[in-house]
Amino acid sequence: MNRILLAAFALLVSTAAFASTDHYIRREGDHVQHLKITKIGNDINVKMDVNFEPNAAEAGQKTCSAEVSGDAKATGDNEITMKKQIEGETRHCLLKIKLSGEGATVEQSPECGYFAAGICHFGSDGKELVKIK
């Protein structure tokens, strides 16, 4: 019985040793983008949410919030790609995330408009989301 408990504890500790979560945020006026990357062993999960309120240049637009999440893969040095299938379709929203030591930039495919309509979008427009320490 003690061996089983010890083995279970060792498994829990070893998994936790390979787990990490990083948060990145970008705020530009009333536009907020939040990116969460969770790594457990070789598995990577990405969740991105955005909250946009119209600024002066977007007068007449509506406030929006959007979220997308899914499994991701490392596709290069400091690059992660998340692919989320649009329900009932063969198309996918693709987020290409490039990591630096202090932040991340996000590029989105046009299909991501299914998850983020109106003024909302997941792409960071070439600007960096800052890593929260």
Protein backbone atom coordinates (compact mmCIF):
# COMPACT_ATOMS: atom_id res chain seq x y z
CA MET A 1 0.00 0.00 0.00
CA ASN A 2 2.83 2.39 0.86
CA ARG A 3 4.53 1.63 -2.45
CA ILE A 4 1.36 2.50 -4.37
CA LEU A 5 0.99 5.80 -2.51
CA LEU A 6 4.64 6.60 -3.04
CA ALA A 7 4.38 5.78 -6.76
CA ALA A 8 1.23 7.93 -7.11
CA PHE A 9 2.93 10.82 -5.32
CA ALA A 10 6.04 10.48 -7.49
CA LEU A 11 3.90 10.54 -10.64
CA LEU A 12 2.09 13.65 -9.44
CA VAL A 13 5.33 15.44 -8.60
CA SER A 14 7.02 14.45 -11.88
CA THR A 15 4.05 15.72 -13.92
CA ALA A 16 4.03 18.99 -12.01
CA ALA A 17 7.75 19.39 -12.64
CA PHE A 18 7.05 19.45 -16.39
CA ALA A 19 4.01 21.74 -16.19
CA SER A 20 4.06 25.48 -16.78
CA THR A 21 1.59 28.22 -17.58
CA ASP A 22 2.51 31.57 -19.08
CA HIS A 23 0.20 34.57 -19.40
CA TYR A 24 0.60 37.41 -21.89
CA ILE A 25 -1.47 40.58 -22.08
CA ARG A 26 -1.78 43.58 -24.37
CA ARG A 27 -3.88 46.61 -23.65
CA GLU A 28 -4.24 49.37 -26.17
CA GLY A 29 -6.86 51.88 -25.11
CA ASP A 30 -10.05 49.90 -24.55
CA HIS A 31 -8.78 46.85 -26.46
CA VAL A 32 -7.51 44.02 -24.25
CA GLN A 33 -5.97 40.75 -25.45
CA HIS A 34 -5.02 37.92 -23.07
CA LEU A 35 -3.07 34.82 -24.07
CA LYS A 36 -2.55 31.78 -21.84
CA ILE A 37 -0.14 29.00 -22.83
CA THR A 38 -0.11 25.84 -20.72
CA LYS A 39 2.55 23.19 -21.23
CA ILE A 40 2.31 19.80 -19.55
CA GLY A 41 5.12 17.59 -20.74
CA ASN A 42 4.94 17.70 -24.54
CA ASP A 43 1.28 18.78 -24.59
CA ILE A 44 0.56 22.46 -25.27
CA ASN A 45 -2.79 24.16 -24.78
CA VAL A 46 -3.53 27.72 -25.86
CA LYS A 47 -6.40 29.94 -24.77
CA MET A 48 -6.85 33.47 -26.06
CA ASP A 49 -9.56 35.90 -25.11
CA VAL A 50 -10.19 39.47 -26.23
CA ASN A 51 -12.41 42.29 -24.98
CA PHE A 52 -12.78 45.31 -27.24
CA GLU A 53 -14.70 48.52 -26.64
CA PRO A 54 -14.86 50.91 -29.59
CA ASN A 55 -12.34 53.74 -29.60
CA ALA A 56 -12.79 57.10 -31.37
CA ALA A 57 -11.82 55.64 -34.76
CA GLU A 58 -14.38 52.83 -34.32
CA ALA A 59 -17.35 55.02 -33.42
CA GLY A 60 -20.64 53.27 -34.12
CA GLN A 61 -19.19 49.79 -33.59
CA LYS A 62 -20.38 47.49 -30.81
CA THR A 63 -18.42 46.22 -27.82
CA CYS A 64 -17.35 42.61 -28.25
CA SER A 65 -15.70 39.76 -26.42
CA ALA A 66 -14.37 36.55 -27.91
CA GLU A 67 -12.44 33.46 -26.89
CA VAL A 68 -10.76 30.57 -28.64
CA SER A 69 -8.82 27.68 -27.17
CA GLY A 70 -7.37 24.37 -28.21
CA ASP A 71 -4.39 22.11 -28.47
CA ALA A 72 -1.29 23.51 -30.08
CA LYS A 73 2.01 22.30 -31.47
CA ALA A 74 5.51 23.72 -31.47
CA THR A 75 6.17 24.50 -35.13
CA GLY A 76 9.62 26.02 -34.83
CA ASP A 77 12.02 27.70 -32.48
CA ASN A 78 9.86 29.84 -30.20
CA GLU A 79 6.79 29.34 -32.41
CA ILE A 80 3.51 27.65 -31.49
CA THR A 81 0.54 27.03 -33.78
CA MET A 82 -2.97 26.44 -32.50
CA LYS A 83 -5.57 25.05 -34.89
CA LYS A 84 -9.25 25.14 -33.85
CA GLN A 85 -11.85 23.59 -36.15
CA ILE A 86 -15.00 25.59 -36.78
CA GLU A 87 -17.86 23.45 -35.56
CA GLY A 88 -19.68 21.66 -38.38
CA GLU A 89 -17.21 22.81 -41.02
CA THR A 90 -13.90 21.68 -42.46
CA ARG A 91 -12.28 25.11 -41.97
CA HIS A 92 -9.97 25.96 -39.08
CA CYS A 93 -9.01 29.07 -37.13
CA LEU A 94 -5.23 29.16 -37.03
CA LEU A 95 -3.26 31.19 -34.48
CA LYS A 96 0.47 31.45 -35.10
CA ILE A 97 2.22 32.55 -31.90
CA LYS A 98 5.83 33.75 -31.91
CA LEU A 99 7.42 33.88 -28.47
CA SER A 100 10.26 36.11 -27.34
CA GLY A 101 11.85 36.34 -23.91
CA GLU A 102 9.48 39.10 -22.81
CA GLY A 103 6.35 38.57 -24.87
CA ALA A 104 4.46 37.06 -27.78
CA THR A 105 3.02 38.19 -31.10
CA VAL A 106 -0.05 36.54 -32.60
CA GLU A 107 -1.10 36.17 -36.23
CA GLN A 108 -4.56 34.86 -37.05
CA SER A 109 -6.04 33.28 -40.15
CA PRO A 110 -9.12 34.90 -41.75
CA GLU A 111 -11.26 31.97 -40.53
CA CYS A 112 -10.79 33.17 -36.92
CA GLY A 113 -13.45 35.76 -37.70
CA TYR A 114 -15.94 32.98 -36.94
CA PHE A 115 -14.91 33.17 -33.27
CA ALA A 116 -14.23 36.92 -33.11
CA ALA A 117 -16.70 39.10 -35.00
CA GLY A 118 -16.96 42.86 -35.38
CA ILE A 119 -13.98 44.85 -34.16
CA CYS A 120 -12.66 41.88 -32.15
CA HIS A 121 -9.68 39.95 -33.45
CA PHE A 122 -7.00 37.70 -31.99
CA GLY A 123 -4.08 38.97 -34.06
CA SER A 124 -1.80 41.40 -32.26
CA ASP A 125 -1.20 43.56 -35.35
CA GLY A 126 2.56 42.97 -35.10
CA LYS A 127 2.64 44.33 -31.56
CA GLU A 128 3.79 42.28 -28.62
CA LEU A 129 1.67 40.95 -25.80
CA VAL A 130 3.75 41.39 -22.65
CA LYS A 131 4.57 38.34 -20.53
CA ILE A 132 3.19 38.58 -17.01
CA LYS A 133 5.74 37.51 -14.44
